[in-house]
C-alpha atoms as a PDB file:
ATOM      1  CA  MET A   1      56.318 117.585-132.085  1.00  0.00           C
ATOM      2  CA  LEU A   2      55.094 115.415-129.217  1.00  0.00           C
ATOM      3  CA  GLU A   3      56.570 116.774-125.985  1.00  0.00           C
ATOM      4  CA  ILE A   4      56.534 114.952-122.668  1.00  0.00           C
ATOM      5  CA  GLY A   5      57.593 117.429-120.017  1.00  0.00           C
ATOM      6  CA  GLY A   6      58.406 116.687-116.380  1.00  0.00           C
ATOM      7  CA  LEU A   7      55.921 113.857-115.835  1.00  0.00           C
ATOM      8  CA  SER A   8      55.733 112.581-112.276  1.00  0.00           C
ATOM      9  CA  LYS A   9      53.417 109.905-110.952  1.00  0.00           C
ATOM     10  CA  ARG A  10      53.228 108.149-107.609  1.00  0.00           C
ATOM     11  CA  PHE A  11      51.241 105.046-106.702  1.00  0.00           C
ATOM     12  CA  GLY A  12      51.171 104.935-102.910  1.00  0.00           C
ATOM     13  CA  SER A  13      54.773 104.651-101.765  1.00  0.00           C
ATOM     14  CA  VAL A  14      56.075 103.887-105.284  1.00  0.00           C
ATOM     15  CA  GLN A  15      57.429 106.757-107.384  1.00  0.00           C
ATOM     16  CA  ALA A  16      56.527 105.402-110.825  1.00  0.00           C
ATOM     17  CA  LEU A  17      57.673 108.459-112.781  1.00  0.00           C
ATOM     18  CA  ASP A  18      60.117 111.109-111.632  1.00  0.00           C
ATOM     19  CA  GLY A  19      60.323 114.124-113.948  1.00  0.00           C
ATOM     20  CA  VAL A  20      60.190 112.161-117.218  1.00  0.00           C
ATOM     21  CA  THR A  21      61.015 114.495-120.099  1.00  0.00           C
ATOM     22  CA  PHE A  22      61.623 113.794-123.786  1.00  0.00           C
ATOM     23  CA  SER A  23      60.217 114.652-127.203  1.00  0.00           C
ATOM     24  CA  VAL A  24      59.356 112.803-130.403  1.00  0.00           C
ATOM     25  CA  ARG A  25      59.838 114.772-133.592  1.00  0.00           C
ATOM     26  CA  PRO A  26      57.580 114.666-136.669  1.00  0.00           C
ATOM     27  CA  GLY A  27      58.570 111.775-138.903  1.00  0.00           C
ATOM     28  CA  GLU A  28      60.693 110.150-136.198  1.00  0.00           C
ATOM     29  CA  VAL A  29      60.567 106.592-134.889  1.00  0.00           C
ATOM     30  CA  PHE A  30      61.405 106.770-131.185  1.00  0.00           C
ATOM     31  CA  GLY A  31      62.196 103.623-129.206  1.00  0.00           C
ATOM     32  CA  PHE A  32      61.217 103.759-125.544  1.00  0.00           C
ATOM     33  CA  VAL A  33      63.112 101.083-123.624  1.00  0.00           C
ATOM     34  CA  GLY A  34      63.471 100.005-120.032  1.00  0.00           C
ATOM     35  CA  SER A  35      62.990  97.033-117.768  1.00  0.00           C
ATOM     36  CA  ASN A  36      59.600  95.842-116.537  1.00  0.00           C
ATOM     37  CA  GLY A  37      58.269  98.396-114.086  1.00  0.00           C
ATOM     38  CA  ALA A  38      60.587 101.163-115.283  1.00  0.00           C
ATOM     39  CA  GLY A  39      57.678 103.470-116.210  1.00  0.00           C
ATOM     40  CA  LYS A  40      57.125 102.968-119.944  1.00  0.00           C
ATOM     41  CA  THR A  41      53.472 101.954-119.822  1.00  0.00           C
ATOM     42  CA  THR A  42      52.643 104.562-117.176  1.00  0.00           C
ATOM     43  CA  THR A  43      54.113 107.261-119.410  1.00  0.00           C
ATOM     44  CA  MET A  44      52.140 106.062-122.420  1.00  0.00           C
ATOM     45  CA  ARG A  45      48.921 105.890-120.456  1.00  0.00           C
ATOM     46  CA  ILE A  46      49.401 109.481-119.327  1.00  0.00           C
ATOM     47  CA  VAL A  47      49.974 110.550-122.953  1.00  0.00           C
ATOM     48  CA  LEU A  48      46.634 108.920-123.828  1.00  0.00           C
ATOM     49  CA  GLY A  49      44.803 110.315-120.812  1.00  0.00           C
ATOM     50  CA  VAL A  50      44.151 106.881-119.337  1.00  0.00           C
ATOM     51  CA  LEU A  51      46.065 108.058-116.276  1.00  0.00           C
ATOM     52  CA  SER A  52      46.583 111.566-114.971  1.00  0.00           C
ATOM     53  CA  ALA A  53      50.013 112.829-113.981  1.00  0.00           C
ATOM     54  CA  ASP A  54      50.760 114.240-110.548  1.00  0.00           C
ATOM     55  CA  ALA A  55      52.949 116.834-112.280  1.00  0.00           C
ATOM     56  CA  GLY A  56      54.114 117.692-115.786  1.00  0.00           C
ATOM     57  CA  GLU A  57      52.283 117.850-119.096  1.00  0.00           C
ATOM     58  CA  VAL A  58      52.023 116.390-122.575  1.00  0.00           C
ATOM     59  CA  ARG A  59      51.968 118.726-125.580  1.00  0.00           C
ATOM     60  CA  TRP A  60      51.370 118.115-129.271  1.00  0.00           C
ATOM     61  CA  GLN A  61      52.387 120.851-131.715  1.00  0.00           C
ATOM     62  CA  GLY A  62      52.762 123.238-128.811  1.00  0.00           C
ATOM     63  CA  ARG A  63      49.295 122.620-127.366  1.00  0.00           C
ATOM     64  CA  PRO A  64      48.446 120.671-124.209  1.00  0.00           C
ATOM     65  CA  VAL A  65      46.958 117.320-125.193  1.00  0.00           C
ATOM     66  CA  ASP A  66      43.234 117.343-124.417  1.00  0.00           C
ATOM     67  CA  ALA A  67      40.392 114.958-125.240  1.00  0.00           C
ATOM     68  CA  ASP A  68      40.017 116.348-128.763  1.00  0.00           C
ATOM     69  CA  LEU A  69      43.711 115.928-129.573  1.00  0.00           C
ATOM     70  CA  ARG A  70      43.738 112.412-128.126  1.00  0.00           C
ATOM     71  CA  ARG A  71      41.184 111.402-130.766  1.00  0.00           C
ATOM     72  CA  ARG A  72      43.963 111.971-133.295  1.00  0.00           C
ATOM     73  CA  ILE A  73      46.414 109.644-131.569  1.00  0.00           C
ATOM     74  CA  GLY A  74      46.715 106.002-132.547  1.00  0.00           C
ATOM     75  CA  TYR A  75      47.283 103.889-129.432  1.00  0.00           C
ATOM     76  CA  MET A  76      48.150 100.236-129.128  1.00  0.00           C
ATOM     77  CA  PRO A  77      48.147  98.985-125.525  1.00  0.00           C
ATOM     78  CA  GLU A  78      50.372  96.164-124.331  1.00  0.00           C
ATOM     79  CA  GLU A  79      47.333  94.227-123.136  1.00  0.00           C
ATOM     80  CA  ARG A  80      44.810  93.350-125.814  1.00  0.00           C
ATOM     81  CA  GLY A  81      42.395  96.283-126.038  1.00  0.00           C
ATOM     82  CA  LEU A  82      39.856  94.564-128.268  1.00  0.00           C
ATOM     83  CA  TYR A  83      36.477  92.932-127.645  1.00  0.00           C
ATOM     84  CA  PRO A  84      37.266  89.194-127.785  1.00  0.00           C
ATOM     85  CA  LYS A  85      33.832  88.020-128.981  1.00  0.00           C
ATOM     86  CA  MET A  86      33.325  90.738-131.583  1.00  0.00           C
ATOM     87  CA  LYS A  87      34.175  90.043-135.224  1.00  0.00           C
ATOM     88  CA  VAL A  88      37.336  91.707-136.499  1.00  0.00           C
ATOM     89  CA  GLY A  89      35.721  93.701-139.312  1.00  0.00           C
ATOM     90  CA  ASP A  90      32.781  94.905-137.202  1.00  0.00           C
ATOM     91  CA  GLN A  91      35.129  95.944-134.432  1.00  0.00           C
ATOM     92  CA  LEU A  92      37.541  97.893-136.613  1.00  0.00           C
ATOM     93  CA  ARG A  93      34.718  99.703-138.421  1.00  0.00           C
ATOM     94  CA  TYR A  94      33.161 100.579-135.061  1.00  0.00           C
ATOM     95  CA  LEU A  95      36.450 101.951-133.711  1.00  0.00           C
ATOM     96  CA  ALA A  96      37.060 103.961-136.874  1.00  0.00           C
ATOM     97  CA  GLN A  97      33.628 105.566-136.605  1.00  0.00           C
ATOM     98  CA  LEU A  98      34.243 106.392-132.959  1.00  0.00           C
ATOM     99  CA  HIS A  99      37.181 108.471-134.225  1.00  0.00           C
ATOM    100  CA  GLY A 100      34.867 110.379-136.553  1.00  0.00           C
ATOM    101  CA  LEU A 101      35.056 108.480-139.846  1.00  0.00           C
ATOM    102  CA  THR A 102      31.896 107.955-141.883  1.00  0.00           C
ATOM    103  CA  ALA A 103      30.714 104.393-142.486  1.00  0.00           C
ATOM    104  CA  ALA A 104      32.155 104.467-146.017  1.00  0.00           C
ATOM    105  CA  GLU A 105      35.479 105.908-144.824  1.00  0.00           C
ATOM    106  CA  ALA A 106      35.669 103.350-142.048  1.00  0.00           C
ATOM    107  CA  GLY A 107      35.051 100.476-144.448  1.00  0.00           C
ATOM    108  CA  ALA A 108      37.760 101.677-146.830  1.00  0.00           C
ATOM    109  CA  ALA A 109      40.252 102.180-144.002  1.00  0.00           C
ATOM    110  CA  VAL A 110      39.569  98.732-142.557  1.00  0.00           C
ATOM    111  CA  GLU A 111      40.083  97.151-145.953  1.00  0.00           C
ATOM    112  CA  GLN A 112      43.339  99.080-146.454  1.00  0.00           C
ATOM    113  CA  TRP A 113      44.979  98.259-143.127  1.00  0.00           C
ATOM    114  CA  THR A 114      43.872  94.664-142.755  1.00  0.00           C
ATOM    115  CA  GLU A 115      45.169  93.993-146.270  1.00  0.00           C
ATOM    116  CA  ARG A 116      48.471  95.695-145.476  1.00  0.00           C
ATOM    117  CA  LEU A 117      48.872  93.805-142.206  1.00  0.00           C
ATOM    118  CA  GLY A 118      47.830  90.434-143.602  1.00  0.00           C
ATOM    119  CA  VAL A 119      44.573  89.839-141.730  1.00  0.00           C
ATOM    120  CA  SER A 120      41.988  90.741-144.381  1.00  0.00           C
ATOM    121  CA  ALA A 121      40.888  87.101-144.529  1.00  0.00           C
ATOM    122  CA  ARG A 122      39.987  87.248-140.828  1.00  0.00           C
ATOM    123  CA  LEU A 123      37.411  90.045-140.965  1.00  0.00           C
ATOM    124  CA  GLY A 124      34.559  87.646-140.190  1.00  0.00           C
ATOM    125  CA  ASP A 125      36.361  85.906-137.301  1.00  0.00           C
ATOM    126  CA  GLU A 126      35.983  86.680-133.626  1.00  0.00           C
ATOM    127  CA  VAL A 127      39.148  88.198-132.146  1.00  0.00           C
ATOM    128  CA  GLN A 128      39.400  85.458-129.519  1.00  0.00           C
ATOM    129  CA  LYS A 129      39.694  82.823-132.264  1.00  0.00           C
ATOM    130  CA  LEU A 130      42.800  84.421-133.772  1.00  0.00           C
ATOM    131  CA  SER A 131      46.377  83.495-132.973  1.00  0.00           C
ATOM    132  CA  LEU A 132      48.223  85.902-130.684  1.00  0.00           C
ATOM    133  CA  GLY A 133      50.212  87.190-133.644  1.00  0.00           C
ATOM    134  CA  ASN A 134      47.073  87.917-135.672  1.00  0.00           C
ATOM    135  CA  GLN A 135      45.466  89.584-132.666  1.00  0.00           C
ATOM    136  CA  GLN A 136      48.496  91.834-132.559  1.00  0.00           C
ATOM    137  CA  ARG A 137      48.057  92.680-136.245  1.00  0.00           C
ATOM    138  CA  VAL A 138      44.401  93.525-135.666  1.00  0.00           C
ATOM    139  CA  GLN A 139      45.381  95.650-132.676  1.00  0.00           C
ATOM    140  CA  LEU A 140      47.753  97.660-134.861  1.00  0.00           C
ATOM    141  CA  SER A 141      45.015  97.994-137.501  1.00  0.00           C
ATOM    142  CA  ALA A 142      42.823  99.509-134.781  1.00  0.00           C
ATOM    143  CA  ALA A 143      45.563 102.041-133.979  1.00  0.00           C
ATOM    144  CA  LEU A 144      45.941 103.020-137.652  1.00  0.00           C
ATOM    145  CA  VAL A 145      42.410 102.877-138.986  1.00  0.00           C
ATOM    146  CA  HIS A 146      41.578 106.542-138.281  1.00  0.00           C
ATOM    147  CA  ASP A 147      44.798 107.877-139.913  1.00  0.00           C
ATOM    148  CA  PRO A 148      46.294 109.193-136.647  1.00  0.00           C
ATOM    149  CA  GLU A 149      48.617 112.179-136.362  1.00  0.00           C
ATOM    150  CA  VAL A 150      50.675 110.441-133.655  1.00  0.00           C
ATOM    151  CA  LEU A 151      51.316 106.730-132.990  1.00  0.00           C
ATOM    152  CA  VAL A 152      51.916 105.449-129.457  1.00  0.00           C
ATOM    153  CA  LEU A 153      52.518 101.692-129.327  1.00  0.00           C
ATOM    154  CA  ASP A 154      53.210  99.619-126.223  1.00  0.00           C
ATOM    155  CA  GLU A 155      55.145  96.428-127.092  1.00  0.00           C
ATOM    156  CA  PRO A 156      53.747  96.174-130.652  1.00  0.00           C
ATOM    157  CA  PHE A 157      56.161  93.403-131.678  1.00  0.00           C
ATOM    158  CA  SER A 158      55.338  91.050-128.820  1.00  0.00           C
ATOM    159  CA  GLY A 159      54.369  87.581-130.060  1.00  0.00           C
ATOM    160  CA  LEU A 160      55.057  88.251-133.735  1.00  0.00           C
ATOM    161  CA  ASP A 161      56.898  85.891-136.052  1.00  0.00           C
ATOM    162  CA  PRO A 162      59.805  87.279-138.142  1.00  0.00           C
ATOM    163  CA  THR A 163      57.621  87.889-141.190  1.00  0.00           C
ATOM    164  CA  ALA A 164      55.082  89.850-139.153  1.00  0.00           C
ATOM    165  CA  VAL A 165      57.902  91.840-137.511  1.00  0.00           C
ATOM    166  CA  GLU A 166      59.106  92.923-140.957  1.00  0.00           C
ATOM    167  CA  VAL A 167      55.582  93.876-142.050  1.00  0.00           C
ATOM    168  CA  MET A 168      54.972  95.914-138.894  1.00  0.00           C
ATOM    169  CA  SER A 169      58.404  97.554-139.108  1.00  0.00           C
ATOM    170  CA  SER A 170      57.640  98.600-142.673  1.00  0.00           C
ATOM    171  CA  VAL A 171      54.289 100.065-141.638  1.00  0.00           C
ATOM    172  CA  LEU A 172      55.854 102.124-138.850  1.00  0.00           C
ATOM    173  CA  ARG A 173      58.604 103.459-141.115  1.00  0.00           C
ATOM    174  CA  ASP A 174      56.035 104.349-143.772  1.00  0.00           C
ATOM    175  CA  LYS A 175      53.874 106.219-141.249  1.00  0.00           C
ATOM    176  CA  ALA A 176      56.909 108.104-139.992  1.00  0.00           C
ATOM    177  CA  GLY A 177      57.697 108.930-143.619  1.00  0.00           C
ATOM    178  CA  THR A 178      54.430 110.893-143.803  1.00  0.00           C
ATOM    179  CA  GLY A 179      55.509 113.052-140.850  1.00  0.00           C
ATOM    180  CA  VAL A 180      53.803 111.085-138.073  1.00  0.00           C
ATOM    181  CA  PRO A 181      55.795 110.831-134.818  1.00  0.00           C
ATOM    182  CA  VAL A 182      55.981 107.163-133.796  1.00  0.00           C
ATOM    183  CA  ILE A 183      56.867 106.083-130.267  1.00  0.00           C
ATOM    184  CA  PHE A 184      56.952 102.434-129.286  1.00  0.00           C
ATOM    185  CA  SER A 185      58.264 100.418-126.375  1.00  0.00           C
ATOM    186  CA  SER A 186      59.990  97.081-126.787  1.00  0.00           C
ATOM    187  CA  HIS A 187      62.305  94.656-125.018  1.00  0.00           C
ATOM    188  CA  GLN A 188      63.698  93.560-128.409  1.00  0.00           C
ATOM    189  CA  LEU A 189      66.713  95.857-128.402  1.00  0.00           C
ATOM    190  CA  GLU A 190      68.195  94.537-131.647  1.00  0.00           C
ATOM    191  CA  LEU A 191      64.956  95.544-133.388  1.00  0.00           C
ATOM    192  CA  VAL A 192      64.911  98.929-131.644  1.00  0.00           C
ATOM    193  CA  GLU A 193      68.478  99.594-132.785  1.00  0.00           C
ATOM    194  CA  ARG A 194      67.636  98.735-136.387  1.00  0.00           C
ATOM    195  CA  LEU A 195      64.330 100.576-136.622  1.00  0.00           C
ATOM    196  CA  CYS A 196      64.581 103.706-134.497  1.00  0.00           C
ATOM    197  CA  ASP A 197      65.958 107.160-135.244  1.00  0.00           C
ATOM    198  CA  ARG A 198      66.350 107.929-131.552  1.00  0.00           C
ATOM    199  CA  ILE A 199      66.037 105.989-128.320  1.00  0.00           C
ATOM    200  CA  GLY A 200      65.002 106.916-124.793  1.00  0.00           C
ATOM    201  CA  ILE A 201      66.094 104.770-121.864  1.00  0.00           C
ATOM    202  CA  ILE A 202      64.027 104.889-118.684  1.00  0.00           C
ATOM    203  CA  SER A 203      65.092 103.330-115.392  1.00  0.00           C
ATOM    204  CA  ALA A 204      63.221 103.409-112.087  1.00  0.00           C
ATOM    205  CA  GLY A 205      60.915 106.137-113.383  1.00  0.00           C
ATOM    206  CA  ARG A 206      63.677 108.460-114.624  1.00  0.00           C
ATOM    207  CA  MET A 207      64.933 109.125-118.139  1.00  0.00           C
ATOM    208  CA  VAL A 208      68.615 108.238-118.006  1.00  0.00           C
ATOM    209  CA  ALA A 209      69.593 108.661-121.669  1.00  0.00           C
ATOM    210  CA  THR A 210      68.117 109.958-124.923  1.00  0.00           C
ATOM    211  CA  GLY A 211      69.656 110.042-128.376  1.00  0.00           C
ATOM    212  CA  SER A 212      70.567 108.063-131.451  1.00  0.00           C
ATOM    213  CA  VAL A 213      72.562 104.859-131.058  1.00  0.00           C
ATOM    214  CA  GLU A 214      75.653 106.729-132.261  1.00  0.00           C
ATOM    215  CA  GLU A 215      75.085 109.446-129.673  1.00  0.00           C
ATOM    216  CA  LEU A 216      74.737 106.816-126.946  1.00  0.00           C
ATOM    217  CA  ARG A 217      77.970 105.201-128.103  1.00  0.00           C
ATOM    218  CA  ALA A 218      79.752 108.547-127.793  1.00  0.00           C
ATOM    219  CA  ARG A 219      78.410 109.371-124.313  1.00  0.00           C
ATOM    220  CA  ASP A 220      81.691 108.999-122.413  1.00  0.00           C
ATOM    221  CA  GLY A 221      83.882 110.266-125.269  1.00  0.00           C
ATOM    222  CA  ARG A 222      86.217 107.280-125.026  1.00  0.00           C
ATOM    223  CA  VAL A 223      87.347 105.058-127.877  1.00  0.00           C
ATOM    224  CA  VAL A 224      87.137 101.267-127.727  1.00  0.00           C
ATOM    225  CA  LEU A 225      89.265  99.262-130.158  1.00  0.00           C
ATOM    226  CA  ASP A 226      89.428  95.639-131.230  1.00  0.00           C
ATOM    227  CA  VAL A 227      92.900  94.558-132.345  1.00  0.00           C
ATOM    228  CA  GLU A 228      93.303  91.100-133.856  1.00  0.00           C
ATOM    229  CA  GLY A 229      96.628  89.381-134.486  1.00  0.00           C
ATOM    230  CA  PRO A 230      99.262  90.061-131.813  1.00  0.00           C
ATOM    231  CA  PRO A 231      99.530  87.487-129.016  1.00  0.00           C
ATOM    232  CA  PRO A 232      97.637  88.115-125.756  1.00  0.00           C
ATOM    233  CA  GLY A 233      99.274  90.499-123.335  1.00  0.00           C
ATOM    234  CA  TRP A 234     100.824  92.819-125.913  1.00  0.00           C
ATOM    235  CA  ALA A 235      98.852  95.845-124.629  1.00  0.00           C
ATOM    236  CA  ASP A 236      99.512  95.333-120.924  1.00  0.00           C
ATOM    237  CA  GLY A 237     101.185  98.404-119.503  1.00  0.00           C
ATOM    238  CA  LEU A 238     100.459 100.783-122.394  1.00  0.00           C
ATOM    239  CA  THR A 239      99.863 104.273-121.039  1.00  0.00           C
ATOM    240  CA  GLY A 240      96.256 105.424-121.321  1.00  0.00           C
ATOM    241  CA  VAL A 241      95.052 102.000-122.432  1.00  0.00           C
ATOM    242  CA  GLU A 242      92.821  99.598-120.522  1.00  0.00           C
ATOM    243  CA  VAL A 243      92.466  95.997-121.659  1.00  0.00           C
ATOM    244  CA  ILE A 244      88.792  95.210-121.090  1.00  0.00           C
ATOM    245  CA  ALA A 245      88.335  91.861-122.903  1.00  0.00           C
ATOM    246  CA  SER A 246      89.938  89.329-125.183  1.00  0.00           C
ATOM    247  CA  PRO A 247      87.045  88.051-127.364  1.00  0.00           C
ATOM    248  CA  GLY A 248      88.578  85.193-129.358  1.00  0.00           C
ATOM    249  CA  PRO A 249      91.706  86.235-131.232  1.00  0.00           C
ATOM    250  CA  ALA A 250      91.073  89.946-130.638  1.00  0.00           C
ATOM    251  CA  THR A 251      92.066  92.187-127.750  1.00  0.00           C
ATOM    252  CA  ARG A 252      89.502  94.840-126.774  1.00  0.00           C
ATOM    253  CA  LEU A 253      90.939  98.081-125.456  1.00  0.00           C
ATOM    254  CA  ARG A 254      89.469 101.237-123.972  1.00  0.00           C
ATOM    255  CA  LEU A 255      91.528 104.324-124.701  1.00  0.00           C
ATOM    256  CA  GLY A 256      91.685 107.145-122.196  1.00  0.00           C
ATOM    257  CA  GLN A 257      91.047 110.754-123.173  1.00  0.00           C
ATOM    258  CA  GLY A 258      93.808 112.000-125.466  1.00  0.00           C
ATOM    259  CA  THR A 259      95.340 108.581-126.139  1.00  0.00           C
ATOM    260  CA  ASP A 260      96.525 108.306-129.758  1.00  0.00           C
ATOM    261  CA  ASP A 261      95.121 105.207-131.457  1.00  0.00           C
ATOM    262  CA  GLN A 262      98.016 105.285-133.949  1.00  0.00           C
ATOM    263  CA  GLN A 263     100.475 104.774-131.100  1.00  0.00           C
ATOM    264  CA  VAL A 264      98.386 101.779-130.035  1.00  0.00           C
ATOM    265  CA  LEU A 265      98.552 100.454-133.594  1.00  0.00           C
ATOM    266  CA  ALA A 266     102.342 100.886-133.624  1.00  0.00           C
ATOM    267  CA  ALA A 267     102.622  98.927-130.388  1.00  0.00           C
ATOM    268  CA  ALA A 268     100.428  96.164-131.817  1.00  0.00           C
ATOM    269  CA  VAL A 269     102.506  95.935-135.002  1.00  0.00           C
ATOM    270  CA  ALA A 270     105.684  95.748-132.925  1.00  0.00           C
ATOM    271  CA  ALA A 271     104.217  92.782-131.019  1.00  0.00           C
ATOM    272  CA  GLY A 272     103.207  90.763-134.078  1.00  0.00           C
ATOM    273  CA  PRO A 273     101.197  90.784-137.328  1.00  0.00           C
ATOM    274  CA  VAL A 274      97.999  92.859-137.114  1.00  0.00           C
ATOM    275  CA  HIS A 275      95.149  91.261-139.034  1.00  0.00           C
ATOM    276  CA  GLU A 276      92.450  93.731-138.019  1.00  0.00           C
ATOM    277  CA  PHE A 277      92.364  97.092-136.242  1.00  0.00           C
ATOM    278  CA  ARG A 278      88.947  98.623-135.778  1.00  0.00           C
ATOM    279  CA  ARG A 279      86.774 100.675-133.475  1.00  0.00           C
ATOM    280  CA  TRP A 280      84.302  98.558-131.582  1.00  0.00           C
ATOM    281  CA  ARG A 281      80.686  99.595-132.013  1.00  0.00           C
ATOM    282  CA  PRO A 282      78.785  98.149-129.034  1.00  0.00           C
ATOM    283  CA  PRO A 283      75.225  97.003-129.775  1.00  0.00           C
ATOM    284  CA  LEU A 284      72.279  98.646-128.055  1.00  0.00           C
ATOM    285  CA  THR A 285      72.006  95.698-125.656  1.00  0.00           C
ATOM    286  CA  GLU A 286      75.403  96.589-124.158  1.00  0.00           C
ATOM    287  CA  LEU A 287      74.806 100.343-124.309  1.00  0.00           C
ATOM    288  CA  TYR A 288      71.531  99.846-122.466  1.00  0.00           C
ATOM    289  CA  ARG A 289      73.173  97.775-119.745  1.00  0.00           C
ATOM    290  CA  ASP A 290      75.982 100.291-119.271  1.00  0.00           C
ATOM    291  CA  VAL A 291      73.626 103.284-119.157  1.00  0.00           C
ATOM    292  CA  VAL A 292      71.304 101.656-116.614  1.00  0.00           C
ATOM    293  CA  GLU A 293      74.159 100.420-114.441  1.00  0.00           C
ATOM    294  CA  SER A 294      75.900 103.792-114.454  1.00  0.00           C
ATOM    295  CA  SER A 295      72.653 105.572-113.503  1.00  0.00           C
ATOM    296  CA  ALA A 296      71.822 103.260-110.593  1.00  0.00           C
ATOM    297  CA  PRO A 297      72.042 104.989-107.193  1.00  0.00           C
ATOM    298  CA  THR A 298      75.044 104.046-105.104  1.00  0.00           C
ATOM    299  CA  ALA A 299      74.147 102.080-102.002  1.00  0.00           C
ATOM    300  CA  VAL A 300      74.918 103.890 -98.783  1.00  0.00           C
ATOM    301  CA  PRO A 301      76.741 101.685 -96.243  1.00  0.00           C
ATOM    302  CA  ALA A 302      74.715 100.965 -93.123  1.00  0.00           C
END
């Protein structure tokens, strides 16, 4: 298990990280989400040893992560971390050998991952001559070429077309299937929701929520219903029921603790024909917004 425990980091007057704590289990794909400047990249750089933390530690399989353990981590930075004028094949073989592979092992690994990621025809090209999407594929090849025990990827899907997104998603799921913990950051929340086993939300340097999408949906314990059919206004005044929206022909309701949804259904039927009665499952985009807004500090009046 990769454990991030109590990381704090300050840059001058800016508290970039404030006690960041979470874990990524073996075989798990963990989505790390937050706005620009929330602390995602700083956290990842500390995991890789690019930055040092003011407090806290990173542990892998119960051991503090040191230089030797970091050699076994596959890292993909948000900014291109490749030599622009170096040929793709030469660069990947060089990076593989830096991680301890023999020349023969490096060659086989380069062939495997560039074929899988669709850039095997570009081995003789300079990185700077590739499209941004192909540079991203080569960058992921560099993170995978030494068969890492942990994958840490900063915005790996940035600039990819839909086909490349599917290829990369498949690669990450396959690596997780071998027991490798995979953590990646992304602003593409629909993709995060589809791909990840668990999600961590960071805001202003603090972890404000961690869990599966279903666990995030159940955070406040309240039920939200969509009822389609009865005319607008039928739910006004129902005890323990808050009308929160009327999307199209449906009425969206939030039920208070202990409110019986069957009583709500009976009231809807009494008001008119009910065509659909279902629990609303908010997408991650809305869960994210609600979590961040609810965690924001309250302004103190001057």
